[in-house]
C-alpha cells in the first residue's frame, strides 16, 4: 500500500535521494543537500505553524511505500509564487504582419520577454521513481495535494499554475536551452539552473532583450518551444482534465509550457466531499482518492457510501490513522 503524506524536516535525506534520481528539468528539486534540507524545514513549518496570509509557503508531500517503508515520490505546492519564483518568462505570440493575399505565410510566432506580476499558487517538485510508475501512483502524487488545498483553501491564491518539463534528448540535453539561452549567457544548463534557483533576479538577464522569431529557428528548437517531455505528457493530460489550460507562457530554460487554472474550479476542489469514516469488510462499491488532515495523509482506496458515512476497509483506516466517525475527504475516481 502507498500513502501520500505531508513531508517533515527529518525527511530531508529521503528528499535528497529522490532529487538525485530526477532528471534535468525538475528545477524545483535541486541536487543540493543543504538547499533541500532548508526546503524540508520550511515545508514542515508551513504545515504546522499558524498561517500567515502574505507570506510565501512551501507544502511538500512524500509518497511512501508502506510495505517497503521507503519514499518513492515527491510533489509540492508553493504559494505567492509568481513574482518570487518565476518573475520573468517568455510569452509566445502570434503575429499577423500582412493581409496581402499573395503572401503564403501570413503569420509567424514571436517569443517575447514577459514580466510576471501575479501572485499565484504553483504546483511543482513532482517526481516519481521509475519503478513505481504504475498502479495509479502518479495520480495519487499529483492530484492528492489538491485534497489538501480543498481543506485549506484560504492558504492558496485564486489562480494555480504548473510548469511542465520541456523537451530533453536521451543524452539529457535541452534543445531550447542550447539553441537560444546558452548562446545569450554562455553557461551550461546546470550552471544556469543553479544560478537562477539561488538568485531569481538573473531570470531577467537570461532572456533575449529582443523578440525572437521562432519560425526562423532550426526545426528541433521550434518543436521544443512549448514542447513537453514525453514522461510529462500523462501529467499534462491529468491536469487538463482538472481544468488547467495553456497560457502561452514558457520557461526560459527548457522551453516547457506553463498551464493554469482558477483554483476554485480545479475538479478535485469542486467535486470532492467531506464525510465521516467507518470500517467495513465489504467496501468495494467505488474507488476514490481519500484523505484526512492533521497530519495530512491520502491514498487511493475502494469505499462505499453507507447513509452519511464512507465505509472503508480496516487496513485503509489503519494506513490513514483514523477511527470511526473521523472526518475524511473523498474524490471519486473511475474504476478501470
Protein backbone atom coordinates (compact mmCIF):
# COMPACT_ATOMS: atom_id res chain seq x y z
CA UNK A 1 0.00 0.00 0.00
CA UNK A 2 1.16 3.52 -0.81
CA UNK A 3 0.32 6.70 1.06
CA UNK A 4 0.89 10.38 0.35
CA UNK A 5 1.72 12.36 3.47
CA UNK A 6 2.97 15.78 4.49
CA UNK A 7 6.76 15.94 4.48
CA UNK A 8 8.56 16.61 7.77
CA UNK A 9 12.02 18.06 8.36
CA UNK A 10 13.50 14.62 9.07
CA UNK A 11 12.60 13.57 5.52
CA UNK A 12 15.37 15.76 4.08
CA UNK A 13 17.68 12.80 3.38
CA UNK A 14 14.90 10.98 1.52
CA UNK A 15 14.15 14.17 -0.39
CA UNK A 16 17.79 14.41 -1.45
CA UNK A 17 17.82 10.77 -2.60
CA UNK A 18 14.75 11.39 -4.76
CA UNK A 19 16.20 14.62 -6.18
CA UNK A 20 19.37 12.79 -7.19
CA UNK A 21 17.27 10.33 -9.22
CA UNK A 22 15.35 13.09 -11.01
CA UNK A 23 16.49 14.14 -14.48
CA UNK A 24 17.31 17.67 -15.59
CA UNK A 25 14.25 19.89 -15.88
CA UNK A 26 12.90 19.28 -12.37
CA UNK A 27 14.44 22.58 -11.30
CA UNK A 28 12.50 22.82 -8.04
CA UNK A 29 14.36 19.72 -6.80
CA UNK A 30 17.95 20.98 -6.83
CA UNK A 31 20.64 18.36 -6.32
CA UNK A 32 21.90 20.25 -3.29
CA UNK A 33 21.59 18.63 0.14
CA UNK A 34 21.63 21.91 2.09
CA UNK A 35 19.02 23.60 -0.11
CA UNK A 36 16.72 20.59 0.15
CA UNK A 37 17.14 20.46 3.92
CA UNK A 38 16.03 24.11 4.09
CA UNK A 39 13.03 23.27 1.89
CA UNK A 40 12.07 20.37 4.16
CA UNK A 41 12.26 22.59 7.24
CA UNK A 42 10.22 25.31 5.52
CA UNK A 43 7.62 22.77 4.47
CA UNK A 44 7.19 21.40 7.99
CA UNK A 45 6.76 24.94 9.32
CA UNK A 46 4.12 25.66 6.67
CA UNK A 47 2.10 22.63 7.74
CA UNK A 48 2.46 23.17 11.50
CA UNK A 49 2.67 26.92 12.13
CA UNK A 50 -0.28 29.35 12.12
CA UNK A 51 -0.91 30.50 8.56
CA UNK A 52 0.44 33.93 7.57
CA UNK A 53 -1.55 35.24 4.61
CA UNK A 54 1.04 37.47 2.93
CA UNK A 55 3.99 35.10 3.34
CA UNK A 56 5.31 32.55 0.86
CA UNK A 57 4.70 28.95 1.91
CA UNK A 58 6.05 25.60 0.72
CA UNK A 59 3.99 22.43 1.18
CA UNK A 60 5.87 19.27 0.20
CA UNK A 61 4.39 15.76 0.10
CA UNK A 62 6.14 12.39 0.22
CA UNK A 63 4.72 9.27 -1.44
CA UNK A 64 5.65 6.31 0.72
CA UNK A 65 5.61 2.56 0.13
CA UNK A 66 4.28 1.33 3.47
CA UNK A 67 5.38 -2.27 2.93
CA UNK A 68 8.94 -1.40 1.93
CA UNK A 69 8.98 1.58 4.30
CA UNK A 70 10.64 3.83 1.75
CA UNK A 71 9.73 7.01 -0.16
CA UNK A 72 9.16 6.64 -3.91
CA UNK A 73 7.94 10.10 -4.92
CA UNK A 74 7.56 13.75 -4.03
CA UNK A 75 5.29 16.63 -5.03
CA UNK A 76 4.76 20.16 -3.79
CA UNK A 77 2.70 23.35 -3.62
CA UNK A 78 4.18 26.86 -3.49
CA UNK A 79 2.06 29.88 -2.54
CA UNK A 80 2.62 33.53 -3.51
CA UNK A 81 4.78 32.09 -6.24
CA UNK A 82 4.53 34.33 -9.29
CA UNK A 83 6.80 37.28 -8.56
CA UNK A 84 9.30 35.35 -6.47
CA UNK A 85 9.74 32.00 -8.26
CA UNK A 86 9.35 32.97 -11.93
CA UNK A 87 9.36 36.78 -12.23
CA UNK A 88 10.46 36.64 -15.88
CA UNK A 89 9.34 34.21 -18.59
CA UNK A 90 8.89 34.07 -22.34
CA UNK A 91 5.48 34.61 -23.91
CA UNK A 92 4.68 33.13 -27.32
CA UNK A 93 2.68 35.49 -29.51
CA UNK A 94 1.15 35.02 -32.94
CA UNK A 95 1.92 37.92 -35.29
CA UNK A 96 -0.10 38.77 -38.41
CA UNK A 97 2.08 41.29 -40.26
CA UNK A 98 0.22 41.36 -43.55
CA UNK A 99 -3.15 40.58 -45.05
CA UNK A 100 -1.77 40.50 -48.59
CA UNK A 101 -3.46 37.53 -50.35
CA UNK A 102 -0.30 36.91 -52.41
CA UNK A 103 1.73 36.06 -49.30
CA UNK A 104 1.57 32.40 -48.29
CA UNK A 105 2.91 32.83 -44.75
CA UNK A 106 0.60 35.50 -43.29
CA UNK A 107 1.57 34.82 -39.66
CA UNK A 108 4.53 33.79 -37.54
CA UNK A 109 5.33 33.11 -33.88
CA UNK A 110 7.31 35.51 -31.73
CA UNK A 111 9.00 34.94 -28.36
CA UNK A 112 8.95 37.99 -26.11
CA UNK A 113 10.29 38.58 -22.61
CA UNK A 114 7.40 38.71 -20.14
CA UNK A 115 7.37 40.08 -16.59
CA UNK A 116 5.09 38.03 -14.35
CA UNK A 117 3.18 40.31 -11.97
CA UNK A 118 0.53 37.99 -10.48
CA UNK A 119 0.59 36.26 -7.12
CA UNK A 120 -0.27 32.64 -7.85
CA UNK A 121 -0.01 29.21 -6.30
CA UNK A 122 2.31 26.85 -8.14
CA UNK A 123 2.23 23.06 -8.09
CA UNK A 124 5.63 21.52 -8.78
CA UNK A 125 8.53 19.42 -7.46
CA UNK A 126 6.83 16.33 -8.86
CA UNK A 127 8.97 13.23 -9.22
CA UNK A 128 8.06 9.54 -9.10
CA UNK A 129 10.63 6.73 -9.18
CA UNK A 130 10.59 4.87 -12.48
CA UNK A 131 9.90 1.52 -10.77
CA UNK A 132 6.77 2.99 -9.14
CA UNK A 133 5.16 4.46 -12.27
CA UNK A 134 2.21 2.08 -12.07
CA UNK A 135 -0.98 1.36 -10.13
CA UNK A 136 -2.22 4.96 -10.41
CA UNK A 137 0.55 6.28 -8.17
CA UNK A 138 1.13 9.26 -10.45
CA UNK A 139 -2.48 10.22 -9.92
CA UNK A 140 -2.11 9.98 -6.14
CA UNK A 141 1.12 12.00 -6.20
CA UNK A 142 -0.26 14.73 -8.47
CA UNK A 143 -3.93 15.00 -7.51
CA UNK A 144 -3.57 14.08 -3.84
CA UNK A 145 -2.15 17.51 -3.00
CA UNK A 146 -5.38 19.09 -4.29
CA UNK A 147 -7.19 17.36 -1.42
CA UNK A 148 -5.00 19.34 0.96
CA UNK A 149 -5.85 22.52 -0.94
CA UNK A 150 -9.57 21.71 -0.76
CA UNK A 151 -9.44 21.60 3.05
CA UNK A 152 -7.24 24.70 3.33
CA UNK A 153 -8.49 26.94 0.53
CA UNK A 154 -7.73 30.12 2.47
CA UNK A 155 -4.00 29.35 2.23
CA UNK A 156 -3.89 29.43 -1.56
CA UNK A 157 -4.08 32.04 -4.29
CA UNK A 158 -7.01 32.47 -6.68
CA UNK A 159 -5.00 31.08 -9.59
CA UNK A 160 -2.91 27.89 -9.66
CA UNK A 161 -0.19 27.28 -12.26
CA UNK A 162 2.15 24.46 -13.19
CA UNK A 163 5.38 24.48 -15.20
CA UNK A 164 5.67 21.38 -17.36
CA UNK A 165 9.08 19.90 -18.09
CA UNK A 166 10.38 20.80 -21.54
CA UNK A 167 11.99 18.55 -24.12
CA UNK A 168 15.31 16.84 -23.39
CA UNK A 169 17.19 14.35 -25.56
CA UNK A 170 18.19 10.85 -24.44
CA UNK A 171 21.58 12.37 -23.64
CA UNK A 172 19.80 14.78 -21.25
CA UNK A 173 20.49 17.78 -23.49
CA UNK A 174 17.92 20.56 -23.88
CA UNK A 175 17.48 21.82 -27.48
CA UNK A 176 15.66 25.00 -26.43
CA UNK A 177 18.35 25.95 -23.94
CA UNK A 178 21.25 25.04 -26.24
CA UNK A 179 19.69 26.82 -29.23
CA UNK A 180 18.66 30.06 -27.51
CA UNK A 181 19.53 30.66 -23.85
CA UNK A 182 23.06 29.21 -23.88
CA UNK A 183 24.01 31.49 -26.78
CA UNK A 184 22.87 34.52 -24.76
CA UNK A 185 24.58 33.74 -21.45
CA UNK A 186 27.40 31.28 -22.20
CA UNK A 187 26.55 28.97 -19.28
CA UNK A 188 25.73 25.27 -19.26
CA UNK A 189 22.18 24.21 -18.38
CA UNK A 190 23.27 23.04 -14.92
CA UNK A 191 25.11 26.31 -14.26
CA UNK A 192 22.10 28.36 -15.35
CA UNK A 193 19.70 26.35 -13.17
CA UNK A 194 21.97 26.75 -10.15
CA UNK A 195 22.27 30.49 -10.75
CA UNK A 196 18.58 31.30 -11.17
CA UNK A 197 17.49 28.96 -8.37
CA UNK A 198 19.50 30.91 -5.80
CA UNK A 199 19.29 34.34 -7.47
CA UNK A 200 15.94 34.77 -9.19
CA UNK A 201 16.78 38.26 -10.45
CA UNK A 202 19.04 36.60 -13.03
CA UNK A 203 15.97 35.24 -14.82
CA UNK A 204 15.62 38.64 -16.48
CA UNK A 205 19.25 38.55 -17.61
CA UNK A 206 18.97 35.18 -19.35
CA UNK A 207 16.08 36.37 -21.56
CA UNK A 208 16.67 37.78 -25.01
CA UNK A 209 16.38 41.60 -24.91
CA UNK A 210 14.79 41.44 -28.37
CA UNK A 211 11.84 39.42 -29.70
CA UNK A 212 12.78 36.09 -31.32
CA UNK A 213 11.03 34.91 -34.50
CA UNK A 214 10.52 31.22 -33.75
CA UNK A 215 9.83 30.29 -37.38
CA UNK A 216 13.42 31.23 -38.32
CA UNK A 217 14.93 28.82 -35.79
CA UNK A 218 16.01 25.23 -36.57
CA UNK A 219 13.09 22.79 -36.57
CA UNK A 220 14.18 21.00 -33.38
CA UNK A 221 14.19 24.28 -31.44
CA UNK A 222 10.78 25.20 -32.87
CA UNK A 223 9.38 21.87 -31.66
CA UNK A 224 10.97 22.46 -28.25
CA UNK A 225 9.22 25.83 -27.86
CA UNK A 226 6.24 24.96 -25.61
CA UNK A 227 7.29 21.33 -26.10
CA UNK A 228 6.60 18.76 -23.37
CA UNK A 229 8.88 15.91 -22.31
CA UNK A 230 7.26 12.52 -23.13
CA UNK A 231 7.36 11.50 -19.45
CA UNK A 232 5.40 14.65 -18.57
CA UNK A 233 2.58 14.19 -21.10
CA UNK A 234 0.49 11.99 -18.72
CA UNK A 235 0.72 14.73 -16.06
CA UNK A 236 -0.37 17.33 -18.61
CA UNK A 237 -3.37 15.21 -19.62
CA UNK A 238 -4.28 14.68 -15.97
CA UNK A 239 -4.11 18.41 -15.19
CA UNK A 240 -6.07 19.31 -18.33
CA UNK A 241 -8.89 17.08 -17.08
CA UNK A 242 -8.71 19.03 -13.80
CA UNK A 243 -9.36 22.30 -15.65
CA UNK A 244 -5.85 23.54 -16.49
CA UNK A 245 -5.15 25.25 -19.84
CA UNK A 246 -2.10 26.57 -21.68
CA UNK A 247 -1.44 30.30 -21.27
CA UNK A 248 1.33 30.71 -23.92
CA UNK A 249 3.98 31.33 -21.24
CA UNK A 250 7.12 29.20 -21.20
CA UNK A 251 10.17 28.54 -19.10
CA UNK A 252 13.24 30.43 -20.38
CA UNK A 253 15.50 27.49 -19.50
CA UNK A 254 13.88 24.43 -21.09
CA UNK A 255 11.07 26.00 -23.14
CA UNK A 256 8.41 23.94 -21.35
CA UNK A 257 4.90 25.44 -21.11
CA UNK A 258 3.02 26.86 -18.16
CA UNK A 259 -0.58 25.84 -17.62
CA UNK A 260 -3.06 27.47 -15.27
CA UNK A 261 -6.49 27.13 -13.67
CA UNK A 262 -8.76 29.09 -11.39
CA UNK A 263 -8.06 27.41 -8.05
CA UNK A 264 -11.70 27.07 -7.00
CA UNK A 265 -12.52 25.43 -10.35
CA UNK A 266 -9.95 22.62 -10.13
CA UNK A 267 -12.06 19.47 -10.32
CA UNK A 268 -10.72 17.87 -7.13
CA UNK A 269 -11.66 21.02 -5.22
CA UNK A 270 -15.10 21.17 -6.88
CA UNK A 271 -16.06 17.50 -6.81
CA UNK A 272 -14.54 16.11 -3.60
CA UNK A 273 -16.69 15.94 -0.49
CA UNK A 274 -16.36 15.62 3.27
CA UNK A 275 -17.88 12.69 5.12
CA UNK A 276 -17.37 10.52 8.18
CA UNK A 277 -15.41 7.29 8.03
CA UNK A 278 -16.49 3.89 9.26
CA UNK A 279 -14.95 0.45 8.80
CA UNK A 280 -16.46 -2.43 6.90
CA UNK A 281 -15.01 -5.64 5.44
CA UNK A 282 -17.04 -5.04 2.26
CA UNK A 283 -16.15 -1.56 0.99
CA UNK A 284 -15.69 -2.02 -2.74
CA UNK A 285 -18.52 -0.17 -4.44
CA UNK A 286 -16.45 2.82 -5.55
CA UNK A 287 -12.84 3.93 -5.99
CA UNK A 288 -11.53 7.26 -4.78
CA UNK A 289 -8.77 9.48 -3.51
CA UNK A 290 -9.28 9.63 0.25
CA UNK A 291 -7.55 11.97 2.68
CA UNK A 292 -7.54 13.14 6.25
CA UNK A 293 -5.99 16.22 7.87
CA UNK A 294 -3.61 16.95 10.76
CA UNK A 295 -1.33 15.39 9.78
CA UNK A 296 -2.29 15.15 6.12
CA UNK A 297 -2.42 11.67 4.60
CA UNK A 298 -4.02 10.46 1.38
CA UNK A 299 -4.33 7.24 -0.59
CA UNK A 300 -6.34 5.58 -3.33
CA UNK A 301 -8.79 3.02 -2.00
CA UNK A 302 -12.17 1.44 -2.53
CA UNK A 303 -15.10 2.68 -0.46
CA UNK A 304 -18.86 2.55 -0.28
CA UNK A 305 -21.32 5.16 0.93
CA UNK A 306 -23.47 3.90 3.77
CA UNK A 307 -26.00 6.56 4.67
CA UNK A 308 -23.98 9.64 5.68
CA UNK A 309 -20.69 7.75 6.03
CA UNK A 310 -17.98 6.23 3.84
CA UNK A 311 -17.20 2.61 4.63
CA UNK A 312 -13.53 1.69 4.34
CA UNK A 313 -11.57 -1.50 4.86
CA UNK A 314 -9.79 -1.72 8.20
CA UNK A 315 -6.35 -1.66 6.54
CA UNK A 316 -7.25 1.64 4.87
CA UNK A 317 -8.39 3.11 8.19
CA UNK A 318 -5.12 1.97 9.75
CA UNK A 319 -2.98 3.45 6.96
CA UNK A 320 -4.75 6.80 7.30
CA UNK A 321 -4.56 6.56 11.10
CA UNK A 322 -8.26 7.29 11.52
CA UNK A 323 -11.03 5.79 13.63
CA UNK A 324 -14.81 5.51 13.41
CA UNK A 325 -16.55 8.84 12.66
CA UNK A 326 -13.34 10.75 11.83
CA UNK A 327 -13.79 13.29 9.03
CA UNK A 328 -12.29 12.37 5.65
CA UNK A 329 -12.37 13.92 2.18
CA UNK A 330 -13.25 11.75 -0.84
CA UNK A 331 -12.69 12.41 -4.54
CA UNK A 332 -14.39 9.74 -6.68
CA UNK A 333 -12.30 8.04 -9.38
CA UNK A 334 -13.38 5.85 -12.25
CA UNK A 335 -12.66 2.16 -11.89
CA UNK A 336 -10.81 0.60 -14.82
